[in-house]
Amino acid sequence: MASATATEKSKGETPRRFRLSLAGSRLGRLIVGLNLLGLAVLIFGALVLNETRRGLVDARVDSLRTQAELISEVIQGAAVVEPEPSMDPQNAVRVLQLLDIPRTERARLYDATGHLLADTDVMADKVMVRELPPARKPGFDLFALFRPNEAAREAKAHKAEVAEMREALSGEPVQEVRAAETGGRLVSVSVPIQHVHAVLGVLTIEAGDVDQIVAAQRAALMPFILIAVIVSLVSSLMLNTWVARPVMRLARAADSIRLKRARVLSLPDIAERDDEIGDLTRALEAMTATLSARMDATEAFAADVSHEIKNPLTSIRSAVETLEMSPTAQAQARLLPILKHDVGRLDRLITDISNASRLDAELSREAPRPLDVAKLAADIAGLYAAGAKPGEPMVRFAGRAEPATVVGREGPLGQVLRNLIDNARSFSPENGVVTLSVERRGGEVVILVQDEGPGVPPENLESIFERFYTERPRTGERRAFGGHSGLGLSIARQIVDNHDGAIRAENRKGADGAVNGARFIITLPAAP
């Protein structure tokens, strides 16, 4: 059965616009959390390593600049001559030769005119190794149009180098990350060699390990990417296990019910879950159980209807056969009242059966609303009093001192009162009185319908509410066999139960203990 919480929600919920809310949604929080977790890992790794990479590149630039400033000061102290300040090219080159420049770096020395005096790659006889491109196939190569031009790349790199040197000759240090001749990136720092305010030359130091730094950082990012991929994969598998598969099982179970291989959906392992899938499973189980119970009730009702209709039909057929064989008009005249009675009984059965079969639809068609039951009872009693014929039992309404309001449906509740009044009148003596009263007792509204008939056998006080039950004692011609269909009280109980109320029967007894009639008591929740 569905949980009480789910039941209360299904009763009180109304359609509402879509709104993003994860409050109380375990699956919603799980789905969002698992998807955000992998993304958070990737974003965190990217941010952290991006800051680290930027810091390493900046640290590399600062290191080159410090190195270049130290070397320029050494050259200035060893190669600058006076009184007219100038830089001795041989001494400057010798200083550069004596310094230990790492093989990952390249230093160039320029004079005041921008003429190249020394290059550490040339002085160290460094051999540039480049990977040869793949051999071109004979014929026209379309992709060759999109390959980078090596000569143009070298010219562009040389132009950027000269521009940097020219800017440093103005007296301000220059630092930048630019393209290298090989196509990669390098960090370059150009520092002017000065004596007071006179610029005597420029020292440029380059480091071509920027791409290696970036590659190392990208390699460091790979664990974060792998973790994000693993988290996403695990979350997908978890969602498949916890959501997709149970939903597929629910779909298969619903198909089995649709194809009439089962009457009730039963998935106890899923119903035990404390999330939306569990709520859905419990709701579907409760729904199919209710539908199965209604189907059983419908089948039982159809069997009862068939049995009850066969009785008057059998009587009518017997009377017709006897009528054909009756030799005299007097004998035939005695059979006509029987036929008339059975036809009336059959008509009454069909009418009550039709009302009972439409009851569920009528209860769902009309929305409950505040209703003054006392006023409804007074109106119905007035209609009976206005149409009463001589000798028939009277219907009297006993007034009330305070309102008696319930939340219900006027049509079905009116049908309950009419069924009880008709039942009481049918068992009341001539000129008897049926009393209808309404009163409020605390948080309940109590409706009483009392008659002056023979009462109800104590053993039948509950069974009289069963369908087609008509065993209440009868006296007199107007309470002859067949005067009741046995559905009125059953319909009354069904309507009262639908309004969260209760109905019961008891006997009215006098001071001597004798039964003075029957009393039907309806209890309904009072409106707040």
Protein backbone atom coordinates (compact mmCIF):
# COMPACT_ATOMS: atom_id res chain seq x y z
CA MET A 1 0.00 0.00 0.00
CA ALA A 2 1.12 3.56 -0.63
CA SER A 3 2.51 5.46 2.29
CA ALA A 4 0.30 7.85 4.21
CA THR A 5 2.38 10.76 3.01
CA ALA A 6 1.95 9.78 -0.61
CA THR A 7 -1.78 9.32 -0.10
CA GLU A 8 -2.21 12.72 1.52
CA LYS A 9 -0.26 14.35 -1.31
CA SER A 10 -2.36 12.65 -3.98
CA LYS A 11 -5.54 13.94 -2.33
CA GLY A 12 -4.41 17.51 -1.78
CA GLU A 13 -2.24 18.19 -4.81
CA THR A 14 -3.47 20.47 -7.54
CA PRO A 15 -1.82 21.10 -10.93
CA ARG A 16 0.79 23.78 -10.66
CA ARG A 17 3.28 25.44 -12.96
CA PHE A 18 6.72 23.93 -13.34
CA ARG A 19 9.14 25.13 -10.73
CA LEU A 20 12.69 24.11 -10.03
CA SER A 21 12.64 22.59 -6.55
CA LEU A 22 14.73 19.77 -5.11
CA ALA A 23 13.28 20.04 -1.61
CA GLY A 24 12.27 16.54 -0.53
CA SER A 25 13.42 14.99 -3.81
CA ARG A 26 16.08 12.39 -3.05
CA LEU A 27 16.46 11.29 -6.65
CA GLY A 28 16.57 14.89 -7.82
CA ARG A 29 19.37 15.72 -5.41
CA LEU A 30 21.19 12.53 -6.36
CA ILE A 31 21.03 13.21 -10.09
CA VAL A 32 22.10 16.84 -9.78
CA GLY A 33 24.80 16.02 -7.23
CA LEU A 34 26.38 13.22 -9.26
CA ASN A 35 26.42 15.27 -12.45
CA LEU A 36 27.84 18.31 -10.71
CA LEU A 37 30.50 16.27 -8.93
CA GLY A 38 32.34 15.27 -12.08
CA LEU A 39 32.03 18.77 -13.47
CA ALA A 40 33.28 20.25 -10.20
CA VAL A 41 36.34 18.00 -10.26
CA LEU A 42 37.19 19.09 -13.80
CA ILE A 43 36.59 22.78 -13.10
CA PHE A 44 38.62 22.63 -9.90
CA GLY A 45 41.52 20.96 -11.66
CA ALA A 46 41.40 23.40 -14.56
CA LEU A 47 41.33 26.42 -12.26
CA VAL A 48 44.07 25.16 -9.99
CA LEU A 49 46.37 24.10 -12.82
CA ASN A 50 45.63 27.21 -14.82
CA GLU A 51 46.74 29.33 -11.90
CA THR A 52 49.78 27.08 -11.45
CA ARG A 53 50.69 27.30 -15.12
CA ARG A 54 50.34 31.07 -15.14
CA GLY A 55 52.45 31.25 -12.01
CA LEU A 56 55.16 29.04 -13.52
CA VAL A 57 55.31 31.10 -16.71
CA ASP A 58 55.45 34.33 -14.70
CA ALA A 59 58.14 32.83 -12.49
CA ARG A 60 60.09 31.86 -15.62
CA VAL A 61 59.85 35.43 -16.94
CA ASP A 62 60.98 36.88 -13.62
CA SER A 63 63.87 34.41 -13.49
CA LEU A 64 65.04 35.38 -16.98
CA ARG A 65 64.73 39.06 -16.22
CA THR A 66 66.78 38.75 -13.01
CA GLN A 67 69.36 36.74 -14.89
CA ALA A 68 69.49 39.26 -17.73
CA GLU A 69 69.85 42.20 -15.32
CA LEU A 70 72.74 40.48 -13.51
CA ILE A 71 74.53 39.69 -16.75
CA SER A 72 74.00 43.25 -18.03
CA GLU A 73 75.51 44.65 -14.84
CA VAL A 74 78.53 42.34 -15.21
CA ILE A 75 79.00 43.41 -18.84
CA GLN A 76 78.58 47.04 -17.85
CA GLY A 77 81.31 46.72 -15.19
CA ALA A 78 83.73 44.81 -17.40
CA ALA A 79 83.19 46.16 -20.93
CA VAL A 80 82.20 49.83 -20.55
CA VAL A 81 85.05 52.31 -21.14
CA GLU A 82 85.24 56.02 -20.28
CA PRO A 83 85.52 59.04 -20.35
CA GLU A 84 83.05 58.85 -23.22
CA PRO A 85 80.94 55.85 -22.28
CA SER A 86 81.04 53.02 -24.80
CA MET A 87 80.94 49.23 -24.72
CA ASP A 88 84.03 47.23 -25.70
CA PRO A 89 82.62 44.48 -27.93
CA GLN A 90 85.48 42.02 -27.27
CA ASN A 91 85.25 42.31 -23.51
CA ALA A 92 81.45 42.05 -23.62
CA VAL A 93 81.64 38.91 -25.75
CA ARG A 94 84.32 37.44 -23.48
CA VAL A 95 82.12 38.01 -20.43
CA LEU A 96 79.24 36.28 -22.17
CA GLN A 97 81.53 33.37 -23.05
CA LEU A 98 82.66 32.99 -19.45
CA LEU A 99 79.10 32.86 -18.11
CA ASP A 100 77.36 29.48 -17.86
CA ILE A 101 74.17 29.91 -19.88
CA PRO A 102 71.92 26.81 -19.64
CA ARG A 103 71.37 24.91 -22.88
CA THR A 104 67.62 25.54 -22.57
CA GLU A 105 68.32 29.27 -22.82
CA ARG A 106 69.77 31.48 -25.54
CA ALA A 107 71.47 34.84 -25.01
CA ARG A 108 72.13 37.48 -27.67
CA LEU A 109 74.20 40.63 -27.27
CA TYR A 110 73.60 43.72 -29.41
CA ASP A 111 75.47 47.00 -29.56
CA ALA A 112 73.90 50.45 -29.49
CA THR A 113 73.21 50.32 -33.21
CA GLY A 114 71.38 46.98 -33.00
CA HIS A 115 74.25 44.99 -34.51
CA LEU A 116 74.49 41.42 -33.21
CA LEU A 117 77.76 40.94 -31.32
CA ALA A 118 77.31 37.47 -29.83
CA ASP A 119 74.93 34.53 -29.80
CA THR A 120 75.38 31.78 -27.19
CA ASP A 121 73.96 29.16 -29.54
CA VAL A 122 76.72 29.99 -32.06
CA MET A 123 79.43 30.20 -29.39
CA ALA A 124 78.40 26.83 -27.91
CA ASP A 125 78.16 25.19 -31.37
CA LYS A 126 74.63 24.10 -30.49
CA VAL A 127 73.10 21.92 -33.18
CA MET A 128 69.41 22.55 -33.89
CA VAL A 129 67.61 19.25 -34.44
CA ARG A 130 64.24 19.40 -36.20
CA GLU A 131 62.01 16.53 -37.18
CA LEU A 132 61.69 16.22 -40.91
CA PRO A 133 58.17 16.39 -42.36
CA PRO A 134 56.80 13.22 -43.97
CA ALA A 135 57.78 12.61 -47.56
CA ARG A 136 55.36 14.13 -50.00
CA LYS A 137 53.54 11.87 -52.36
CA PRO A 138 53.93 12.59 -56.06
CA GLY A 139 51.27 14.75 -57.58
CA PHE A 140 49.24 17.64 -56.26
CA ASP A 141 48.99 17.79 -52.44
CA LEU A 142 45.96 19.77 -51.34
CA PHE A 143 46.98 19.70 -47.68
CA ALA A 144 50.30 21.34 -48.51
CA LEU A 145 48.38 24.58 -48.95
CA PHE A 146 47.41 24.51 -45.27
CA ARG A 147 50.80 23.50 -43.84
CA PRO A 148 52.75 26.34 -42.16
CA ASN A 149 55.49 27.90 -44.29
CA GLU A 150 58.77 27.36 -42.44
CA ALA A 151 60.54 30.30 -44.08
CA ALA A 152 57.67 32.64 -43.31
CA ARG A 153 57.58 31.41 -39.72
CA GLU A 154 61.30 32.06 -39.27
CA ALA A 155 60.97 35.50 -40.81
CA LYS A 156 58.10 36.36 -38.49
CA ALA A 157 60.06 35.17 -35.45
CA HIS A 158 63.12 37.19 -36.51
CA LYS A 159 60.98 40.27 -37.03
CA ALA A 160 59.50 39.92 -33.52
CA GLU A 161 63.01 39.49 -32.12
CA VAL A 162 64.29 42.63 -33.83
CA ALA A 163 61.24 44.62 -32.72
CA GLU A 164 61.83 43.55 -29.12
CA MET A 165 65.50 44.55 -29.36
CA ARG A 166 64.62 47.94 -30.84
CA GLU A 167 62.16 48.59 -28.04
CA ALA A 168 64.79 47.73 -25.44
CA LEU A 169 67.22 50.21 -27.05
CA SER A 170 64.82 52.92 -25.87
CA GLY A 171 65.99 52.22 -22.34
CA GLU A 172 63.12 50.12 -20.94
CA PRO A 173 63.29 46.36 -20.29
CA VAL A 174 60.99 44.25 -22.49
CA GLN A 175 59.52 40.84 -21.65
CA GLU A 176 57.05 38.76 -23.60
CA VAL A 177 55.96 35.29 -24.65
CA ARG A 178 56.19 34.98 -28.43
CA ALA A 179 56.44 32.43 -31.23
CA ALA A 180 59.77 30.72 -31.80
CA GLU A 181 61.37 29.90 -35.13
CA THR A 182 60.53 26.22 -34.64
CA GLY A 183 56.86 27.02 -34.25
CA GLY A 184 56.62 26.69 -30.51
CA ARG A 185 56.53 29.42 -27.88
CA LEU A 186 59.35 30.99 -25.94
CA VAL A 187 59.83 33.48 -23.12
CA SER A 188 62.04 36.40 -24.09
CA VAL A 189 63.52 39.19 -21.92
CA SER A 190 65.50 42.09 -23.39
CA VAL A 191 67.41 44.33 -20.96
CA PRO A 192 69.30 47.51 -22.01
CA ILE A 193 72.96 47.80 -21.03
CA GLN A 194 73.23 51.34 -19.67
CA HIS A 195 75.81 53.67 -18.23
CA VAL A 196 73.89 56.34 -16.37
CA HIS A 197 71.35 57.27 -19.06
CA ALA A 198 73.31 56.17 -22.10
CA VAL A 199 72.15 52.91 -23.71
CA LEU A 200 75.26 51.03 -24.85
CA GLY A 201 73.64 47.80 -25.98
CA VAL A 202 70.93 45.23 -25.38
CA LEU A 203 71.08 41.76 -23.86
CA THR A 204 68.30 39.36 -24.89
CA ILE A 205 67.77 36.03 -23.14
CA GLU A 206 65.26 33.51 -24.43
CA ALA A 207 63.97 30.28 -22.89
CA GLY A 208 62.27 27.77 -25.19
CA ASP A 209 60.89 25.48 -22.52
CA VAL A 210 57.47 27.19 -22.28
CA ASP A 211 55.82 24.44 -24.30
CA GLN A 212 57.36 21.85 -22.03
CA ILE A 213 55.92 23.69 -19.03
CA VAL A 214 52.46 23.80 -20.64
CA ALA A 215 52.72 20.13 -21.64
CA ALA A 216 53.64 19.22 -18.08
CA GLN A 217 50.67 21.14 -16.77
CA ARG A 218 48.37 19.47 -19.26
CA ALA A 219 49.74 16.12 -18.15
CA ALA A 220 49.05 17.18 -14.57
CA LEU A 221 45.45 17.94 -15.60
CA MET A 222 44.91 14.40 -16.91
CA PRO A 223 44.24 12.86 -13.46
CA PHE A 224 41.49 15.39 -12.89
CA ILE A 225 40.01 14.60 -16.30
CA LEU A 226 40.18 10.88 -15.62
CA ILE A 227 38.56 11.35 -12.21
CA ALA A 228 35.78 13.46 -13.79
CA VAL A 229 35.23 10.81 -16.47
CA ILE A 230 35.15 8.04 -13.86
CA VAL A 231 32.73 10.01 -11.67
CA SER A 232 30.46 10.67 -14.66
CA LEU A 233 30.62 7.00 -15.67
CA VAL A 234 29.88 5.80 -12.15
CA SER A 235 27.04 8.30 -11.77
CA SER A 236 25.57 7.17 -15.09
CA LEU A 237 25.75 3.53 -13.98
CA MET A 238 24.19 4.41 -10.63
CA LEU A 239 21.36 6.31 -12.31
CA ASN A 240 20.86 3.39 -14.68
CA THR A 241 20.71 0.97 -11.73
CA TRP A 242 18.63 3.12 -9.39
CA VAL A 243 16.33 4.86 -11.86
CA ALA A 244 16.28 3.41 -15.37
CA ARG A 245 16.05 -0.28 -14.46
CA PRO A 246 13.33 0.12 -11.80
CA VAL A 247 11.30 2.25 -14.22
CA MET A 248 11.70 -0.43 -16.89
CA ARG A 249 10.54 -3.07 -14.38
CA LEU A 250 7.52 -0.92 -13.56
CA ALA A 251 6.78 -0.59 -17.28
CA ARG A 252 6.99 -4.37 -17.79
CA ALA A 253 4.75 -4.97 -14.76
CA ALA A 254 2.22 -2.46 -16.13
CA ASP A 255 2.34 -4.22 -19.52
CA SER A 256 1.69 -7.58 -17.86
CA ILE A 257 -1.40 -6.10 -16.19
CA ARG A 258 -2.51 -4.54 -19.48
CA LEU A 259 -2.10 -7.87 -21.26
CA LYS A 260 -4.19 -9.56 -18.51
CA ARG A 261 -1.38 -11.76 -17.25
CA ALA A 262 -1.70 -10.26 -13.78
CA ARG A 263 -4.25 -8.43 -11.68
CA VAL A 264 -2.01 -6.68 -9.13
CA LEU A 265 1.38 -5.05 -9.52
CA SER A 266 3.82 -6.43 -6.93
CA LEU A 267 7.45 -5.29 -6.72
CA PRO A 268 8.28 -5.45 -3.00
CA ASP A 269 12.02 -4.83 -3.42
CA ILE A 270 11.39 -1.53 -5.23
CA ALA A 271 8.47 -0.56 -2.98
CA GLU A 272 10.80 -0.67 0.04
CA ARG A 273 12.91 2.19 -1.37
CA ASP A 274 12.64 5.50 0.43
CA ASP A 275 12.62 7.77 -2.63
CA GLU A 276 10.37 8.83 -5.51
CA ILE A 277 10.69 5.46 -7.27
CA GLY A 278 9.54 3.75 -4.08
CA ASP A 279 6.63 6.21 -3.74
CA LEU A 280 5.65 5.56 -7.37
CA THR A 281 5.83 1.79 -6.89
CA ARG A 282 3.73 1.88 -3.73
CA ALA A 283 1.19 4.15 -5.44
CA LEU A 284 0.97 1.80 -8.45
CA GLU A 285 0.60 -1.21 -6.18
CA ALA A 286 -2.17 0.51 -4.26
CA MET A 287 -3.85 1.59 -7.50
CA THR A 288 -3.75 -1.90 -9.05
CA ALA A 289 -4.95 -3.43 -5.77
CA THR A 290 -7.87 -1.00 -5.73
CA LEU A 291 -8.66 -1.73 -9.39
CA SER A 292 -8.49 -5.46 -8.71
CA ALA A 293 -10.85 -5.07 -5.76
CA ARG A 294 -13.23 -3.06 -7.91
CA MET A 295 -13.09 -5.72 -10.63
CA ASP A 296 -13.88 -8.39 -8.06
CA ALA A 297 -16.72 -6.26 -6.73
CA THR A 298 -18.03 -5.71 -10.25
CA GLU A 299 -17.94 -9.43 -10.98
CA ALA A 300 -19.72 -10.18 -7.72
CA PHE A 301 -22.24 -7.41 -8.44
CA ALA A 302 -22.89 -8.82 -11.92
CA ALA A 303 -23.48 -12.28 -10.44
CA ASP A 304 -25.87 -10.87 -7.84
CA VAL A 305 -27.71 -8.85 -10.48
CA SER A 306 -28.09 -11.91 -12.67
CA HIS A 307 -29.49 -13.88 -9.75
CA GLU A 308 -31.90 -11.14 -8.65
CA ILE A 309 -33.23 -10.50 -12.16
CA LYS A 310 -33.80 -14.18 -12.80
CA ASN A 311 -36.29 -14.38 -9.93
CA PRO A 312 -38.92 -11.96 -11.35
CA LEU A 313 -38.25 -13.21 -14.86
CA THR A 314 -38.89 -16.79 -13.75
CA SER A 315 -42.08 -15.71 -12.00
CA ILE A 316 -43.25 -13.79 -15.09
CA ARG A 317 -42.50 -16.75 -17.38
CA SER A 318 -44.41 -19.12 -15.10
CA ALA A 319 -47.37 -16.74 -14.92
CA VAL A 320 -47.44 -16.34 -18.71
CA GLU A 321 -47.31 -20.11 -19.27
CA THR A 322 -50.08 -20.61 -16.70
CA LEU A 323 -52.09 -17.79 -18.29
CA GLU A 324 -52.03 -19.58 -21.65
CA MET A 325 -53.31 -22.78 -20.08
CA SER A 326 -55.99 -21.15 -17.88
CA PRO A 327 -59.42 -22.20 -19.14
CA THR A 328 -61.46 -19.40 -17.61
CA ALA A 329 -61.26 -15.62 -17.58
CA GLN A 330 -61.52 -15.68 -13.77
CA ALA A 331 -58.33 -17.74 -13.49
CA GLN A 332 -56.57 -15.47 -15.92
CA ALA A 333 -57.67 -12.41 -13.94
CA ARG A 334 -55.98 -13.85 -10.83
CA LEU A 335 -52.68 -14.07 -12.69
CA LEU A 336 -52.68 -10.49 -13.95
CA PRO A 337 -51.84 -8.92 -10.51
CA ILE A 338 -48.91 -11.33 -10.23
CA LEU A 339 -47.62 -10.26 -13.63
CA LYS A 340 -48.10 -6.60 -12.73
CA HIS A 341 -46.27 -7.07 -9.41
CA ASP A 342 -43.35 -8.91 -11.02
CA VAL A 343 -43.02 -6.34 -13.79
CA GLY A 344 -42.95 -3.57 -11.18
CA ARG A 345 -40.38 -5.50 -9.19
CA LEU A 346 -38.24 -6.01 -12.29
CA ASP A 347 -38.49 -2.31 -13.15
CA ARG A 348 -37.49 -1.36 -9.61
CA LEU A 349 -34.51 -3.75 -9.74
CA ILE A 350 -33.27 -2.36 -13.04
CA THR A 351 -33.63 1.22 -11.79
CA ASP A 352 -31.73 0.54 -8.57
CA ILE A 353 -29.07 -1.46 -10.41
CA SER A 354 -28.60 1.43 -12.83
CA ASN A 355 -28.26 3.87 -9.92
CA ALA A 356 -25.74 1.61 -8.20
CA SER A 357 -23.63 1.17 -11.34
CA ARG A 358 -23.49 4.95 -11.90
CA LEU A 359 -22.66 5.75 -8.29
CA ASP A 360 -18.86 5.92 -8.67
CA ALA A 361 -19.13 8.22 -11.68
CA GLU A 362 -21.60 10.50 -9.91
CA LEU A 363 -19.40 10.71 -6.81
CA SER A 364 -16.38 11.72 -8.89
CA ARG A 365 -18.30 14.16 -11.12
CA GLU A 366 -19.37 16.58 -8.37
CA ALA A 367 -16.72 18.33 -6.27
CA PRO A 368 -17.27 18.41 -2.48
CA ARG A 369 -18.28 21.77 -1.03
CA PRO A 370 -19.64 23.10 2.28
CA LEU A 371 -23.24 21.90 2.66
CA ASP A 372 -25.87 22.55 5.34
CA VAL A 373 -27.20 19.05 5.92
CA ALA A 374 -30.03 20.32 8.13
CA LYS A 375 -31.41 22.50 5.35
CA LEU A 376 -31.08 19.63 2.88
CA ALA A 377 -32.94 17.29 5.23
CA ALA A 378 -35.68 19.87 5.86
CA ASP A 379 -36.20 20.37 2.11
CA ILE A 380 -36.42 16.64 1.44
CA ALA A 381 -38.85 16.10 4.35
CA GLY A 382 -40.99 18.97 3.03
CA LEU A 383 -41.20 17.33 -0.41
CA TYR A 384 -42.38 14.05 1.13
CA ALA A 385 -44.92 15.83 3.31
CA ALA A 386 -46.29 17.76 0.33
CA GLY A 387 -46.76 14.61 -1.75
CA ALA A 388 -48.10 12.30 0.95
CA LYS A 389 -51.35 10.48 0.26
CA PRO A 390 -54.03 9.53 2.82
CA GLY A 391 -52.97 6.57 4.93
CA GLU A 392 -49.27 6.80 3.94
CA PRO A 393 -46.65 7.35 6.65
CA MET A 394 -45.78 11.00 7.24
CA VAL A 395 -42.24 12.35 7.14
CA ARG A 396 -41.49 14.88 9.86
CA PHE A 397 -38.34 16.95 10.24
CA ALA A 398 -37.20 17.75 13.78
CA GLY A 399 -35.64 21.23 13.81
CA ARG A 400 -32.15 22.05 14.99
CA ALA A 401 -30.76 24.87 17.13
CA GLU A 402 -27.42 25.35 15.32
CA PRO A 403 -26.02 24.93 11.78
CA ALA A 404 -24.86 21.48 10.76
CA THR A 405 -22.42 21.97 7.89
CA VAL A 406 -20.35 19.24 6.27
CA VAL A 407 -18.09 19.12 3.22
CA GLY A 408 -19.85 16.88 0.74
CA ARG A 409 -21.92 16.47 -2.40
CA GLU A 410 -25.54 17.52 -2.29
CA GLY A 411 -26.84 14.99 -4.84
CA PRO A 412 -25.42 11.80 -3.30
CA LEU A 413 -26.19 12.88 0.29
CA GLY A 414 -29.75 13.68 -0.76
CA GLN A 415 -29.96 10.20 -2.27
CA VAL A 416 -28.86 8.71 1.07
CA LEU A 417 -31.66 10.53 2.90
CA ARG A 418 -34.27 9.51 0.31
CA ASN A 419 -33.18 5.86 0.44
CA LEU A 420 -33.43 5.80 4.24
CA ILE A 421 -36.79 7.59 4.22
CA ASP A 422 -38.21 5.24 1.56
CA ASN A 423 -36.94 2.26 3.52
CA ALA A 424 -38.48 3.58 6.77
CA ARG A 425 -41.84 4.37 5.11
CA SER A 426 -42.01 0.92 3.54
CA PHE A 427 -41.79 -0.68 6.99
CA SER A 428 -44.00 1.85 8.81
CA PRO A 429 -47.68 1.20 9.58
CA GLU A 430 -50.47 3.25 7.98
CA ASN A 431 -50.52 6.83 9.23
CA GLY A 432 -47.20 6.17 10.91
CA VAL A 433 -44.51 8.84 11.31
CA VAL A 434 -40.92 8.82 10.00
CA THR A 435 -38.82 11.31 11.95
CA LEU A 436 -35.79 12.98 10.37
CA SER A 437 -33.44 14.98 12.61
CA VAL A 438 -29.98 16.58 12.33
CA GLU A 439 -27.73 17.69 15.18
CA ARG A 440 -24.12 18.57 15.74
CA ARG A 441 -22.15 16.69 18.37
CA GLY A 442 -18.67 18.14 18.81
CA GLY A 443 -16.78 17.73 15.54
CA GLU A 444 -19.45 15.51 13.96
CA VAL A 445 -22.85 15.96 12.35
CA VAL A 446 -25.32 13.22 13.25
CA ILE A 447 -28.39 12.45 11.08
CA LEU A 448 -31.16 10.26 12.51
CA VAL A 449 -33.93 8.55 10.51
CA GLN A 450 -36.49 6.79 12.77
CA ASP A 451 -39.61 4.80 11.93
CA GLU A 452 -42.41 3.07 13.84
CA GLY A 453 -42.07 -0.28 12.12
CA PRO A 454 -41.24 -3.75 13.45
CA GLY A 455 -37.55 -2.99 13.78
CA VAL A 456 -34.59 -5.06 12.59
CA PRO A 457 -33.66 -8.49 13.94
CA PRO A 458 -30.53 -8.03 16.08
CA GLU A 459 -28.56 -10.55 14.01
CA ASN A 460 -29.30 -8.55 10.83
CA LEU A 461 -28.34 -5.04 11.99
CA GLU A 462 -25.16 -5.22 9.87
CA SER A 463 -26.21 -7.55 7.05
CA ILE A 464 -29.07 -5.26 5.96
CA PHE A 465 -26.41 -3.02 4.34
CA GLU A 466 -25.32 -5.81 2.01
CA ARG A 467 -26.48 -5.79 -1.62
CA PHE A 468 -29.84 -7.43 -2.38
CA TYR A 469 -30.46 -8.22 1.30
CA THR A 470 -34.22 -8.05 2.03
CA GLU A 471 -34.82 -10.19 5.11
CA ARG A 472 -36.28 -7.48 7.38
CA PRO A 473 -39.64 -8.55 8.89
CA ARG A 474 -42.69 -7.33 6.97
CA THR A 475 -46.38 -7.12 7.85
CA GLY A 476 -49.27 -5.98 5.75
CA GLU A 477 -50.02 -5.90 2.04
CA ARG A 478 -47.83 -2.90 1.19
CA ARG A 479 -44.71 -4.71 2.44
CA ALA A 480 -45.27 -7.80 0.36
CA PHE A 481 -42.41 -9.82 -1.10
CA GLY A 482 -40.48 -7.96 -3.75
CA GLY A 483 -41.20 -4.51 -2.37
CA HIS A 484 -37.46 -3.86 -2.04
CA SER A 485 -34.55 -4.36 -4.40
CA GLY A 486 -32.06 -4.71 -1.54
CA LEU A 487 -29.77 -1.99 -2.95
CA GLY A 488 -31.00 1.16 -1.19
CA LEU A 489 -29.11 0.67 2.07
CA SER A 490 -26.02 -0.64 0.24
CA ILE A 491 -25.93 2.50 -1.88
CA ALA A 492 -26.42 4.65 1.22
CA ARG A 493 -23.43 3.06 2.97
CA GLN A 494 -21.23 3.44 -0.11
CA ILE A 495 -22.02 7.17 -0.34
CA VAL A 496 -21.50 7.74 3.38
CA ASP A 497 -18.16 5.88 3.29
CA ASN A 498 -17.10 8.07 0.38
CA HIS A 499 -17.73 11.11 2.61
CA ASP A 500 -15.52 9.65 5.39
CA GLY A 501 -18.60 9.00 7.51
CA ALA A 502 -20.31 5.99 9.05
CA ILE A 503 -23.81 4.55 9.03
CA ARG A 504 -25.36 1.99 11.33
CA ALA A 505 -28.77 0.70 12.38
CA GLU A 506 -30.31 0.04 15.76
CA ASN A 507 -33.74 -0.68 17.23
CA ARG A 508 -35.81 1.84 19.18
CA LYS A 509 -37.05 0.38 22.42
CA GLY A 510 -39.65 1.60 24.85
CA ALA A 511 -39.63 1.60 28.63
CA ASP A 512 -40.86 -2.01 28.65
CA GLY A 513 -38.06 -3.12 26.36
CA ALA A 514 -40.34 -3.68 23.38
CA VAL A 515 -39.13 -2.66 19.92
CA ASN A 516 -40.91 0.48 18.73
CA GLY A 517 -39.16 0.81 15.37
CA ALA A 518 -35.79 1.12 13.69
CA ARG A 519 -33.30 3.97 13.82
CA PHE A 520 -30.60 4.66 11.22
CA ILE A 521 -27.70 6.84 12.40
CA ILE A 522 -25.37 8.65 9.99
CA THR A 523 -22.22 10.31 11.31
CA LEU A 524 -20.32 12.77 9.08
CA PRO A 525 -17.27 14.97 9.85
CA ALA A 526 -18.38 18.54 10.51
CA ALA A 527 -16.95 21.27 8.29
CA PRO A 528 -14.23 23.36 10.01
